[in-house]
Every structure is written in structure tokens, then in C-alpha cells.
């Protein structure tokens, strides 16, 4: 990503990530498909465990953000030895953090069931599932760390194949362990968890082989598995904001679902279907954001902040153009889009309104995700976290509450009051849209400040974080040129 035409290189980096994200979706759908053949209680148990599982993944994603930033910048700077050291310390940290979470979770599993509200047979199924998931956490964290290390080195294809190995293994194993096909016992939800464990184990073994061979840009050395306090501290410092970001997104999703549920079944169903369409756009923009992180990191490592800016501009503009085009198609035929999933007239009617309002913002949603990727590649994970928090907790949810339910604020010293419109459920949809536009504008403004151009690696004894914030300002108007 440090030489040659930018757009084709971005595309080569991004498409395997898109495929990998879609494969991960297949992974999740397979579990739900086969568990659905067991009982409604089994489905409810796995559904209840999803937010908890997402919290675990969010923790690992924080580590992956730090790994991508450090590996990509060292690769761009030509510091292959330092990039390898980051890989070794990432493996150590992944196993340590995952093991600590697994132990704490297993010991407190009954308390977790009480907090989540699982009862009766659902509680039994949920316990059987989560006990094995805790056991698989070290493998899951290693799997995510392998992907991040390879992405940082610019090898997204091998990362994609690791996802493919894991997803396809899970899909193949699921029916045997869940339903008890052939000589296997019918373990139900526990079978789904064991399938995940085995699939992650296979992918982890493949990842270790890839890193030990060292033929893919980075290599795992035994000497790098000795704890390095300074490097571990750097990984934690750069990574924890992304972990907090993931947690905040989880809680925001729960809060938004709770608001929608107040307006009845039709609104809730329309919201669920609408989110399926939006999740496809997030898959694309999230993948481009990851590719952008690699491109920005490598170019900052190579001391080319102008090219890092150009990578971001191209990625953001291209993603927004694609998503606005897709949104335009859905905006024109929202009823047709809804009827693909449901025929109920009330749900279709609610869904038409949802899509007509939210498609306006699809491009802004995607643009912000790409900008966040750029900040993460630069190691400015705190900025990415703040943008995510602002998008959800400063803009979206307060706007949604105010527009949907209305609010009144008295003007001090007068008999006057300021009242917000009480728009009902459509106010929630406008909260989504206005929040997306506002948070994208904030992201652009922050990006243009240029403070992210310092990077996070040390070079010639000087910590680049301490470089003057305006070190790359001279590139201003030329940043979009190759």
C-alpha cells in the first residue's frame, strides 16, 4: 500500500475482507439454523447468549485493532523484526486475556444466567452452551489475533482463508453434534458450542502453521513469546478504546431495540428486517475500513502522511458512492425489499417508512466506518472510539428519544417552554439518519485536523506520538493525489 495506484490496491485488500465478513455471517446463521431443529428453548438460549458472546468478541477486536496498527506501521517502516515481535506479544496477550475471561465467566456462570434472566429449560440449554464457549475463548482470541496480524502485513487473502476454514468446519460439524447424526450424540446447544470449539481449533492450528512458516510477510518466533512489558503496554494502550467501543455498540443496540419494542410487533419486525439490509452495507464498509487501516498504517510507517490521507479519501469516497447507489435502489422499491422477508401488510408498511428514512444515511454510515478504520490504522483508536460513542449515545439515541416520544424544556425565568415534536416510531428512524449525518460530519472535521498523522511506533529513538500535531499539514490540498 506504500507505492503504486491506490484504488486497485485498496480493492485487492478489501474484497477478501468482505468475503471473510460474509463467511462469518454464515458461521452464525449455521448455528441458529441447526439449533432451530432442536426446540424453541434451544433457539432462545443461543439468542440470549449472543450479546454476551459479542462482548467477548469486542474485547478481542480491541486487541486486533492494536495489532493492525502496530504491524502495519512497522511493515511500512521496513521494521520487519519489530512487526514479528508485535505478533509474538499479541499471541501472549490474546491467550492471557481470554483465559482470564474464561475462568471468571465459568466461575460466575450461574450469576450470569440470573442477570440475563434465563429460566427453566432455557437456562439449562444456555448453561450447556456457554460452558463450552468459555472453554473455546483462547482459541477464538488467537483466531482473531492471527487475522489482525496478517491484515496488518497486507495479506487479507490468507486471513480470508482462515475465516473460510473456521466457518466451513463449523457448518459441516454442526448437524452431527447438534442433532446426533450417525454415531454422534444429540447434544443440542452444547453440540453447537463444541462445533465452534473444534472449528476454532482447526483455524488456530492453521494460523500457527502460517505464522511459523513466515511466508506471508510476518513470522512467529519462539523468542518473541517472552513477555515484553513495554510492547504489551503499547498493545493495551492502543487496543482498549476499540474494546470499549465494541461494548458501547452492544449496549446501544440493546437500548435501541428496547425503544422500538415500545411501538409493537409490526415496528419491531420491520426494524429487524431493515437492520438485515443495513448489515450488508456494514459488511462492505467495515471491510473497506479494515483495508484502509492497513493502508494508513503502512504509509504512516513509511513516513508518507500525504499518501495515507489519499488512501482514506479514495476509500471513503468509493464506499459512499457504492452505498448511496444501493440505497437509491432500495429507496425506490422499499415495499418489494420488505416482501422478500415478510408478507404481513402492517410490517411491510412500517418497513417502507423505515427504509425510506434510513437509506438517506447509508452512505454516511459507511463513510464514518471507513474514517474510523483510518484512525485505527494510525493508532488513534481513542478518536475512533469517541466517534462511535458520539454516533450512538450523543446523536442517535437522544435524538431518537426526543423525536419519537417528545420532550419539553422550560426556559428559565419565563413561562415559555421548548417542545420537541412527538413523531412516534418514525422519530426513531430519523434519529438513526440525523445521527449518522452528524457523526460523519464530526469524523470529517476531526480527520482534517491531521493530528492522527503522527502514528504510534518509535523511530530512531523518538516516539512518533510526540511529533508536532501539524507534522503533515503541508500536504493539505495535495492529499488526494497519487
Protein backbone atom coordinates (compact mmCIF):
# COMPACT_ATOMS: atom_id res chain seq x y z
CA UNK A 1 0.00 0.00 0.00
CA UNK A 2 3.01 2.37 0.03
CA UNK A 3 3.54 2.51 -3.77
CA UNK A 4 1.54 2.32 -6.97
CA UNK A 5 -2.09 3.22 -7.79
CA UNK A 6 -4.19 3.47 -4.65
CA UNK A 7 -7.67 2.37 -5.75
CA UNK A 8 -6.72 -1.04 -7.23
CA UNK A 9 -4.60 -1.85 -4.19
CA UNK A 10 -7.44 -0.91 -1.86
CA UNK A 11 -9.79 -3.15 -3.81
CA UNK A 12 -7.36 -6.08 -3.60
CA UNK A 13 -7.12 -5.58 0.15
CA UNK A 14 -10.85 -5.09 0.72
CA UNK A 15 -12.57 -7.86 -1.28
CA UNK A 16 -11.16 -10.77 0.78
CA UNK A 17 -12.29 -8.94 3.93
CA UNK A 18 -15.81 -8.60 2.52
CA UNK A 19 -15.86 -12.34 1.76
CA UNK A 20 -14.48 -13.08 5.25
CA UNK A 21 -17.20 -11.00 6.90
CA UNK A 22 -19.89 -12.77 4.87
CA UNK A 23 -18.43 -16.14 5.84
CA UNK A 24 -18.56 -15.11 9.48
CA UNK A 25 -22.25 -14.32 9.00
CA UNK A 26 -22.69 -17.81 7.53
CA UNK A 27 -20.98 -19.20 10.63
CA UNK A 28 -23.55 -17.55 12.91
CA UNK A 29 -26.52 -18.48 10.73
CA UNK A 30 -25.50 -22.15 10.64
CA UNK A 31 -25.61 -22.40 14.43
CA UNK A 32 -29.08 -20.87 14.55
CA UNK A 33 -30.36 -22.98 11.64
CA UNK A 34 -29.45 -26.33 13.20
CA UNK A 35 -30.32 -25.32 16.77
CA UNK A 36 -33.75 -24.35 15.40
CA UNK A 37 -34.26 -28.05 14.63
CA UNK A 38 -33.92 -28.90 18.35
CA UNK A 39 -36.50 -26.80 20.20
CA UNK A 40 -37.72 -23.21 20.75
CA UNK A 41 -35.93 -23.26 24.12
CA UNK A 42 -32.64 -24.06 22.39
CA UNK A 43 -33.11 -21.13 19.99
CA UNK A 44 -33.96 -18.82 22.88
CA UNK A 45 -30.87 -19.98 24.78
CA UNK A 46 -28.46 -19.28 21.90
CA UNK A 47 -30.20 -15.93 21.22
CA UNK A 48 -29.81 -14.92 24.86
CA UNK A 49 -26.11 -15.76 24.74
CA UNK A 50 -25.43 -13.67 21.63
CA UNK A 51 -24.94 -10.29 23.41
CA UNK A 52 -22.60 -11.98 25.88
CA UNK A 53 -20.62 -13.59 23.06
CA UNK A 54 -20.41 -10.21 21.34
CA UNK A 55 -18.85 -8.70 24.45
CA UNK A 56 -16.11 -11.35 24.28
CA UNK A 57 -15.52 -10.70 20.59
CA UNK A 58 -15.43 -6.93 21.23
CA UNK A 59 -12.65 -7.48 23.75
CA UNK A 60 -10.66 -9.45 21.18
CA UNK A 61 -11.35 -6.84 18.50
CA UNK A 62 -9.65 -4.23 20.67
CA UNK A 63 -6.51 -6.35 20.62
CA UNK A 64 -6.85 -6.81 16.85
CA UNK A 65 -7.09 -3.04 16.28
CA UNK A 66 -3.82 -2.53 18.15
CA UNK A 67 -2.17 -5.37 16.23
CA UNK A 68 -3.21 -4.00 12.82
CA UNK A 69 -1.96 -0.50 13.73
CA UNK A 70 1.44 -1.62 15.05
CA UNK A 71 2.14 -4.35 12.48
CA UNK A 72 1.13 -2.19 9.50
CA UNK A 73 3.23 0.77 10.65
CA UNK A 74 6.30 -1.39 11.29
CA UNK A 75 5.87 -3.09 7.90
CA UNK A 76 5.56 0.30 6.22
CA UNK A 77 8.69 1.49 8.02
CA UNK A 78 10.60 -1.63 6.94
CA UNK A 79 10.92 -2.84 10.55
CA UNK A 80 10.10 -6.50 9.85
CA UNK A 81 11.79 -7.62 13.06
CA UNK A 82 9.62 -5.29 15.16
CA UNK A 83 6.49 -6.44 13.29
CA UNK A 84 7.34 -10.04 14.20
CA UNK A 85 7.83 -9.03 17.84
CA UNK A 86 4.33 -7.47 17.86
CA UNK A 87 2.91 -10.76 16.55
CA UNK A 88 4.52 -12.76 19.37
CA UNK A 89 3.34 -10.38 22.09
CA UNK A 90 -0.15 -10.33 20.55
CA UNK A 91 -0.35 -14.12 20.89
CA UNK A 92 0.71 -13.90 24.55
CA UNK A 93 -1.79 -11.18 25.36
CA UNK A 94 -4.62 -12.93 23.50
CA UNK A 95 -4.18 -16.17 25.45
CA UNK A 96 -3.76 -14.37 28.78
CA UNK A 97 -6.84 -12.13 28.42
CA UNK A 98 -9.02 -14.92 27.02
CA UNK A 99 -8.03 -17.33 29.77
CA UNK A 100 -8.80 -14.75 32.47
CA UNK A 101 -12.24 -14.02 30.97
CA UNK A 102 -12.96 -17.73 30.53
CA UNK A 103 -12.08 -18.54 34.14
CA UNK A 104 -14.06 -15.63 35.57
CA UNK A 105 -17.03 -16.39 33.32
CA UNK A 106 -17.10 -20.08 34.14
CA UNK A 107 -16.94 -19.43 37.89
CA UNK A 108 -19.72 -16.85 37.64
CA UNK A 109 -21.88 -18.63 35.05
CA UNK A 110 -24.84 -19.12 37.38
CA UNK A 111 -24.85 -15.44 38.32
CA UNK A 112 -24.71 -14.56 34.62
CA UNK A 113 -27.80 -16.65 33.98
CA UNK A 114 -29.63 -14.79 36.73
CA UNK A 115 -28.61 -11.39 35.33
CA UNK A 116 -29.66 -12.33 31.79
CA UNK A 117 -32.94 -13.74 33.06
CA UNK A 118 -32.66 -17.30 31.71
CA UNK A 119 -35.12 -19.65 33.42
CA UNK A 120 -36.34 -23.23 33.20
CA UNK A 121 -35.24 -25.26 30.20
CA UNK A 122 -33.82 -22.15 28.52
CA UNK A 123 -31.43 -21.77 31.46
CA UNK A 124 -30.37 -25.41 31.15
CA UNK A 125 -29.69 -25.06 27.42
CA UNK A 126 -27.90 -21.72 27.87
CA UNK A 127 -25.60 -23.13 30.56
CA UNK A 128 -24.71 -26.14 28.42
CA UNK A 129 -23.83 -23.75 25.57
CA UNK A 130 -21.89 -21.07 27.44
CA UNK A 131 -19.76 -23.50 29.48
CA UNK A 132 -18.15 -24.80 26.30
CA UNK A 133 -17.93 -21.32 24.76
CA UNK A 134 -15.84 -20.22 27.75
CA UNK A 135 -13.52 -23.14 27.05
CA UNK A 136 -13.14 -22.03 23.42
CA UNK A 137 -12.29 -18.38 24.20
CA UNK A 138 -8.47 -18.74 23.99
CA UNK A 139 -8.83 -20.30 20.54
CA UNK A 140 -11.26 -17.57 19.46
CA UNK A 141 -8.91 -14.81 20.62
CA UNK A 142 -5.95 -16.45 18.86
CA UNK A 143 -8.02 -16.77 15.68
CA UNK A 144 -8.89 -13.06 15.71
CA UNK A 145 -5.27 -12.15 16.51
CA UNK A 146 -3.99 -14.19 13.54
CA UNK A 147 -6.35 -12.37 11.19
CA UNK A 148 -5.28 -8.98 12.52
CA UNK A 149 -1.56 -9.75 12.18
CA UNK A 150 -1.97 -10.87 8.57
CA UNK A 151 -4.15 -7.87 7.73
CA UNK A 152 -1.57 -5.53 9.20
CA UNK A 153 1.03 -7.08 6.90
CA UNK A 154 -1.31 -6.50 3.97
CA UNK A 155 -2.24 -10.16 3.44
CA UNK A 156 -6.03 -10.19 3.58
CA UNK A 157 -6.38 -13.28 1.36
CA UNK A 158 -4.74 -15.63 3.87
CA UNK A 159 -6.85 -14.01 6.60
CA UNK A 160 -9.92 -14.74 4.48
CA UNK A 161 -8.91 -18.41 4.10
CA UNK A 162 -8.57 -18.73 7.87
CA UNK A 163 -12.16 -17.47 8.23
CA UNK A 164 -13.26 -19.87 5.50
CA UNK A 165 -11.61 -22.83 7.25
CA UNK A 166 -13.31 -21.94 10.53
CA UNK A 167 -16.75 -21.18 9.06
CA UNK A 168 -16.94 -24.23 6.79
CA UNK A 169 -15.68 -26.55 9.54
CA UNK A 170 -18.43 -25.26 11.81
CA UNK A 171 -21.10 -25.65 9.12
CA UNK A 172 -20.06 -29.25 8.45
CA UNK A 173 -19.76 -30.29 12.10
CA UNK A 174 -22.92 -28.56 13.41
CA UNK A 175 -25.60 -31.09 12.32
CA UNK A 176 -23.63 -34.09 13.58
CA UNK A 177 -23.13 -32.73 17.11
CA UNK A 178 -26.41 -30.82 17.44
CA UNK A 179 -28.81 -33.44 16.06
CA UNK A 180 -26.76 -36.59 16.74
CA UNK A 181 -26.35 -37.84 13.20
CA UNK A 182 -24.66 -41.26 12.88
CA UNK A 183 -22.60 -42.34 15.90
CA UNK A 184 -22.59 -38.86 17.45
CA UNK A 185 -24.78 -37.98 20.48
CA UNK A 186 -27.51 -35.35 20.10
CA UNK A 187 -26.04 -32.60 22.24
CA UNK A 188 -28.32 -29.74 21.18
CA UNK A 189 -26.97 -26.33 22.12
CA UNK A 190 -23.90 -27.92 23.69
CA UNK A 191 -23.21 -29.55 20.32
CA UNK A 192 -23.27 -26.11 18.67
CA UNK A 193 -20.71 -24.89 21.21
CA UNK A 194 -18.47 -27.93 20.67
CA UNK A 195 -18.66 -27.39 16.91
CA UNK A 196 -17.46 -23.83 17.49
CA UNK A 197 -14.64 -25.12 19.69
CA UNK A 198 -13.46 -27.62 17.07
CA UNK A 199 -13.75 -25.13 14.20
CA UNK A 200 -11.77 -22.51 16.10
CA UNK A 201 -9.19 -25.14 17.00
CA UNK A 202 -8.71 -26.09 13.35
CA UNK A 203 -8.40 -22.43 12.33
CA UNK A 204 -5.97 -21.73 15.21
CA UNK A 205 -3.77 -24.65 14.14
CA UNK A 206 -3.78 -23.35 10.56
CA UNK A 207 -2.91 -19.86 11.81
CA UNK A 208 0.01 -21.12 13.89
CA UNK A 209 1.32 -23.01 10.85
CA UNK A 210 1.07 -19.86 8.69
CA UNK A 211 2.90 -17.69 11.22
CA UNK A 212 5.62 -20.25 11.93
CA UNK A 213 6.32 -20.67 8.21
CA UNK A 214 6.73 -16.93 7.80
CA UNK A 215 5.98 -16.97 4.07
CA UNK A 216 3.21 -14.40 4.32
CA UNK A 217 5.06 -11.23 5.38
CA UNK A 218 5.33 -11.85 9.13
CA UNK A 219 6.67 -14.69 11.26
CA UNK A 220 6.15 -16.02 14.78
CA UNK A 221 9.43 -16.67 16.64
CA UNK A 222 9.73 -18.54 19.93
CA UNK A 223 11.93 -15.76 21.37
CA UNK A 224 9.07 -13.27 20.88
CA UNK A 225 6.87 -15.25 23.26
CA UNK A 226 8.85 -13.93 26.25
CA UNK A 227 6.77 -11.12 27.84
CA UNK A 228 7.90 -7.63 26.79
CA UNK A 229 6.35 -5.24 29.27
CA UNK A 230 6.76 -2.15 27.10
CA UNK A 231 5.28 -3.72 23.98
CA UNK A 232 2.43 -5.35 25.90
CA UNK A 233 1.65 -1.95 27.41
CA UNK A 234 1.57 -0.41 23.93
CA UNK A 235 -0.83 -3.08 22.68
CA UNK A 236 -3.16 -2.49 25.62
CA UNK A 237 -2.93 1.31 25.34
CA UNK A 238 -3.77 1.31 21.62
CA UNK A 239 -6.33 -1.50 21.85
CA UNK A 240 -8.54 -0.78 24.86
CA UNK A 241 -10.51 2.08 23.22
CA UNK A 242 -11.67 -0.33 20.48
CA UNK A 243 -12.80 -2.77 23.16
CA UNK A 244 -14.81 -0.05 24.92
CA UNK A 245 -16.19 0.94 21.53
CA UNK A 246 -17.48 -2.59 20.95
CA UNK A 247 -19.09 -2.72 24.37
CA UNK A 248 -20.77 0.64 23.83
CA UNK A 249 -22.16 -0.54 20.47
CA UNK A 250 -23.61 -3.64 22.12
CA UNK A 251 -25.38 -1.64 24.81
CA UNK A 252 -26.62 0.90 22.25
CA UNK A 253 -28.12 -1.88 20.11
CA UNK A 254 -29.95 -3.24 23.15
CA UNK A 255 -31.22 0.24 24.06
CA UNK A 256 -32.45 0.94 20.52
CA UNK A 257 -34.23 -2.42 20.33
CA UNK A 258 -35.95 -1.61 23.62
CA UNK A 259 -37.19 1.72 22.22
CA UNK A 260 -38.52 0.10 19.05
CA UNK A 261 -40.30 -2.63 21.05
CA UNK A 262 -42.48 0.05 22.67
CA UNK A 263 -44.23 0.55 19.33
CA UNK A 264 -45.42 -3.01 18.89
CA UNK A 265 -44.75 -6.16 16.91
CA UNK A 266 -45.02 -4.67 13.41
CA UNK A 267 -42.46 -1.95 14.13
CA UNK A 268 -40.12 -4.45 15.79
CA UNK A 269 -40.34 -6.86 12.85
CA UNK A 270 -39.80 -4.06 10.32
CA UNK A 271 -36.81 -2.85 12.31
CA UNK A 272 -35.30 -6.34 12.36
CA UNK A 273 -35.67 -6.76 8.60
CA UNK A 274 -34.37 -3.26 7.93
CA UNK A 275 -31.29 -3.97 10.00
CA UNK A 276 -30.58 -7.05 7.85
CA UNK A 277 -30.29 -4.76 4.83
CA UNK A 278 -28.17 -2.27 6.76
CA UNK A 279 -25.90 -5.08 7.98
CA UNK A 280 -24.96 -5.84 4.37
CA UNK A 281 -23.77 -2.24 3.96
CA UNK A 282 -21.85 -2.53 7.24
CA UNK A 283 -20.16 -5.68 5.95
CA UNK A 284 -18.88 -3.77 2.92
CA UNK A 285 -17.90 -0.55 4.68
CA UNK A 286 -16.38 -2.44 7.62
CA UNK A 287 -14.17 -4.42 5.23
CA UNK A 288 -13.08 -1.26 3.40
CA UNK A 289 -12.41 0.33 6.78
CA UNK A 290 -10.12 -2.57 7.70
CA UNK A 291 -8.29 -2.25 4.36
CA UNK A 292 -7.98 1.48 4.98
CA UNK A 293 -6.48 0.80 8.40
CA UNK A 294 -3.76 -1.30 6.76
CA UNK A 295 -3.11 1.31 4.06
CA UNK A 296 -2.95 4.21 6.51
CA UNK A 297 -0.74 2.30 8.94
CA UNK A 298 1.77 1.22 6.30
CA UNK A 299 2.04 4.69 4.81
CA UNK A 300 2.48 6.37 8.18
CA UNK A 301 5.19 3.81 8.92
CA UNK A 302 6.82 4.76 5.61
CA UNK A 303 6.55 8.45 6.62
CA UNK A 304 4.08 9.23 3.83
CA UNK A 305 1.19 11.01 5.58
CA UNK A 306 0.06 12.55 2.27
CA UNK A 307 -0.46 9.09 0.78
CA UNK A 308 -2.18 7.91 3.99
CA UNK A 309 -4.64 10.79 3.53
CA UNK A 310 -5.12 9.88 -0.13
CA UNK A 311 -5.88 6.27 0.82
CA UNK A 312 -8.57 7.49 3.21
CA UNK A 313 -10.12 9.90 0.72
CA UNK A 314 -10.31 7.28 -2.02
CA UNK A 315 -11.71 4.62 0.32
CA UNK A 316 -14.32 6.94 1.84
CA UNK A 317 -15.49 8.38 -1.48
CA UNK A 318 -15.67 4.98 -3.17
CA UNK A 319 -17.58 3.38 -0.30
CA UNK A 320 -20.06 6.23 -0.05
CA UNK A 321 -20.68 6.16 -3.82
CA UNK A 322 -21.46 2.43 -3.77
CA UNK A 323 -23.70 2.67 -0.71
CA UNK A 324 -25.62 5.71 -1.99
CA UNK A 325 -26.26 3.82 -5.25
CA UNK A 326 -27.53 0.77 -3.34
CA UNK A 327 -29.61 2.98 -1.09
CA UNK A 328 -31.17 4.65 -4.12
CA UNK A 329 -32.37 1.31 -5.45
CA UNK A 330 -33.90 0.30 -2.10
CA UNK A 331 -35.45 3.77 -1.66
CA UNK A 332 -37.25 3.37 -4.98
CA UNK A 333 -38.69 -0.11 -4.19
CA UNK A 334 -38.93 -0.37 -0.36
CA UNK A 335 -42.11 -2.46 -0.37
CA UNK A 336 -40.53 -5.03 -2.71
CA UNK A 337 -37.47 -5.15 -0.47
CA UNK A 338 -39.64 -5.83 2.59
CA UNK A 339 -41.77 -8.52 0.90
CA UNK A 340 -38.65 -10.61 0.28
CA UNK A 341 -38.77 -11.39 4.00
CA UNK A 342 -42.39 -10.91 5.07
CA UNK A 343 -45.87 -10.57 3.57
CA UNK A 344 -47.74 -9.09 6.54
CA UNK A 345 -49.17 -5.71 5.35
CA UNK A 346 -48.59 -3.96 8.67
CA UNK A 347 -44.94 -4.98 8.78
CA UNK A 348 -44.43 -4.03 5.13
CA UNK A 349 -46.00 -0.62 5.76
CA UNK A 350 -43.73 0.06 8.75
CA UNK A 351 -40.74 -1.26 6.80
CA UNK A 352 -41.37 1.09 3.87
CA UNK A 353 -41.15 4.07 6.20
CA UNK A 354 -38.02 2.69 7.88
CA UNK A 355 -36.22 2.15 4.57
CA UNK A 356 -37.32 5.46 3.06
CA UNK A 357 -35.88 7.35 6.03
CA UNK A 358 -32.73 5.37 6.83
CA UNK A 359 -31.47 4.79 3.26
CA UNK A 360 -30.78 8.53 3.14
CA UNK A 361 -27.95 7.89 5.58
CA UNK A 362 -26.45 4.62 4.29
CA UNK A 363 -23.55 6.42 2.62
CA UNK A 364 -22.84 8.46 5.76
CA UNK A 365 -22.87 5.31 7.91
CA UNK A 366 -20.33 3.70 5.57
CA UNK A 367 -18.20 6.82 5.29
CA UNK A 368 -17.87 7.06 9.06
CA UNK A 369 -16.83 3.40 9.32
CA UNK A 370 -14.06 3.97 6.77
CA UNK A 371 -12.84 7.07 8.63
CA UNK A 372 -12.80 5.07 11.86
CA UNK A 373 -10.68 2.47 10.08
CA UNK A 374 -8.22 5.19 9.08
CA UNK A 375 -7.95 6.40 12.68
CA UNK A 376 -7.40 2.85 13.92
CA UNK A 377 -4.69 2.24 11.34
CA UNK A 378 -2.96 5.37 12.58
CA UNK A 379 -3.21 4.06 16.13
CA UNK A 380 -5.66 6.84 17.05
CA UNK A 381 -8.13 4.35 18.47
CA UNK A 382 -9.39 6.85 21.05
CA UNK A 383 -10.67 9.09 18.25
CA UNK A 384 -12.42 6.13 16.61
CA UNK A 385 -13.96 5.27 19.99
CA UNK A 386 -15.18 8.82 20.61
CA UNK A 387 -16.76 8.96 17.14
CA UNK A 388 -18.57 5.68 17.82
CA UNK A 389 -19.80 6.86 21.21
CA UNK A 390 -20.90 10.21 19.75
CA UNK A 391 -22.73 8.49 16.89
CA UNK A 392 -24.79 6.34 19.24
CA UNK A 393 -25.00 7.99 22.65
CA UNK A 394 -24.77 11.71 21.82
CA UNK A 395 -26.60 11.83 18.49
CA UNK A 396 -28.68 8.72 17.68
CA UNK A 397 -30.34 7.65 20.93
CA UNK A 398 -31.05 11.14 22.40
CA UNK A 399 -32.43 12.28 19.02
CA UNK A 400 -34.49 9.10 18.69
CA UNK A 401 -35.99 9.52 22.16
CA UNK A 402 -36.69 13.22 21.65
CA UNK A 403 -38.24 12.85 18.20
CA UNK A 404 -40.22 9.69 18.97
CA UNK A 405 -41.57 10.46 22.43
CA UNK A 406 -41.26 14.22 22.61
CA UNK A 407 -39.76 16.33 25.38
CA UNK A 408 -40.27 19.75 26.88
CA UNK A 409 -37.66 22.08 28.37
CA UNK A 410 -38.72 25.15 30.36
CA UNK A 411 -36.94 28.44 29.57
CA UNK A 412 -35.55 29.75 32.92
CA UNK A 413 -37.15 32.97 34.15
CA UNK A 414 -40.07 32.81 31.72
CA UNK A 415 -43.34 30.99 31.20
CA UNK A 416 -42.09 29.65 27.87
CA UNK A 417 -41.07 26.08 27.07
CA UNK A 418 -39.32 24.41 24.15
CA UNK A 419 -41.01 21.23 22.97
CA UNK A 420 -39.79 18.60 20.53
CA UNK A 421 -42.15 17.00 18.03
CA UNK A 422 -43.77 13.73 19.09
CA UNK A 423 -43.33 11.76 15.86
CA UNK A 424 -43.83 8.24 17.19
CA UNK A 425 -41.82 5.37 15.72
CA UNK A 426 -40.75 7.39 12.67
CA UNK A 427 -38.87 9.62 15.11
CA UNK A 428 -36.65 6.63 15.92
CA UNK A 429 -35.81 6.21 12.25
CA UNK A 430 -34.97 9.90 11.88
CA UNK A 431 -32.78 9.61 14.97
CA UNK A 432 -30.77 6.99 13.07
CA UNK A 433 -30.46 9.16 9.97
CA UNK A 434 -29.71 12.53 11.52
CA UNK A 435 -27.28 10.91 13.94
CA UNK A 436 -25.39 9.26 11.07
CA UNK A 437 -25.04 12.53 9.15
CA UNK A 438 -23.96 14.47 12.23
CA UNK A 439 -21.39 11.88 13.32
CA UNK A 440 -19.94 11.67 9.79
CA UNK A 441 -19.52 15.46 9.75
CA UNK A 442 -17.74 15.24 13.09
CA UNK A 443 -15.48 12.48 11.76
CA UNK A 444 -14.53 14.51 8.68
CA UNK A 445 -13.75 17.57 10.80
CA UNK A 446 -11.55 15.52 13.12
CA UNK A 447 -9.77 13.86 10.21
CA UNK A 448 -8.99 17.21 8.59
CA UNK A 449 -7.24 18.36 11.77
CA UNK A 450 -4.41 15.95 10.86
CA UNK A 451 -3.43 15.04 14.42
CA UNK A 452 -3.71 11.33 13.53
CA UNK A 453 -0.69 11.57 11.19
CA UNK A 454 1.86 11.07 13.98
CA UNK A 455 1.39 7.29 14.20
CA UNK A 456 2.27 5.15 17.23
CA UNK A 457 5.61 3.45 16.52
CA UNK A 458 9.03 4.57 17.66
CA UNK A 459 11.62 5.51 15.07
CA UNK A 460 15.27 6.28 15.76
CA UNK A 461 14.63 6.63 19.44
CA UNK A 462 11.83 9.16 19.06
CA UNK A 463 8.26 8.22 19.87
CA UNK A 464 6.24 9.37 16.88
CA UNK A 465 3.30 10.12 19.18
CA UNK A 466 5.33 13.10 20.41
CA UNK A 467 5.82 14.64 16.96
CA UNK A 468 4.12 18.00 16.46
CA UNK A 469 0.47 17.58 15.52
CA UNK A 470 0.93 19.67 12.40
CA UNK A 471 3.75 17.50 11.04
CA UNK A 472 1.71 16.51 8.00
CA UNK A 473 -0.22 19.75 7.49
CA UNK A 474 1.85 20.77 4.47
CA UNK A 475 0.19 18.04 2.41
CA UNK A 476 -3.29 19.61 2.69
CA UNK A 477 -4.52 20.23 -0.87
CA UNK A 478 -2.27 17.56 -2.41
CA UNK A 479 -3.53 14.70 -0.22
CA UNK A 480 -5.82 13.29 -2.89
CA UNK A 481 -3.09 12.92 -5.47
CA UNK A 482 -1.11 9.70 -6.04
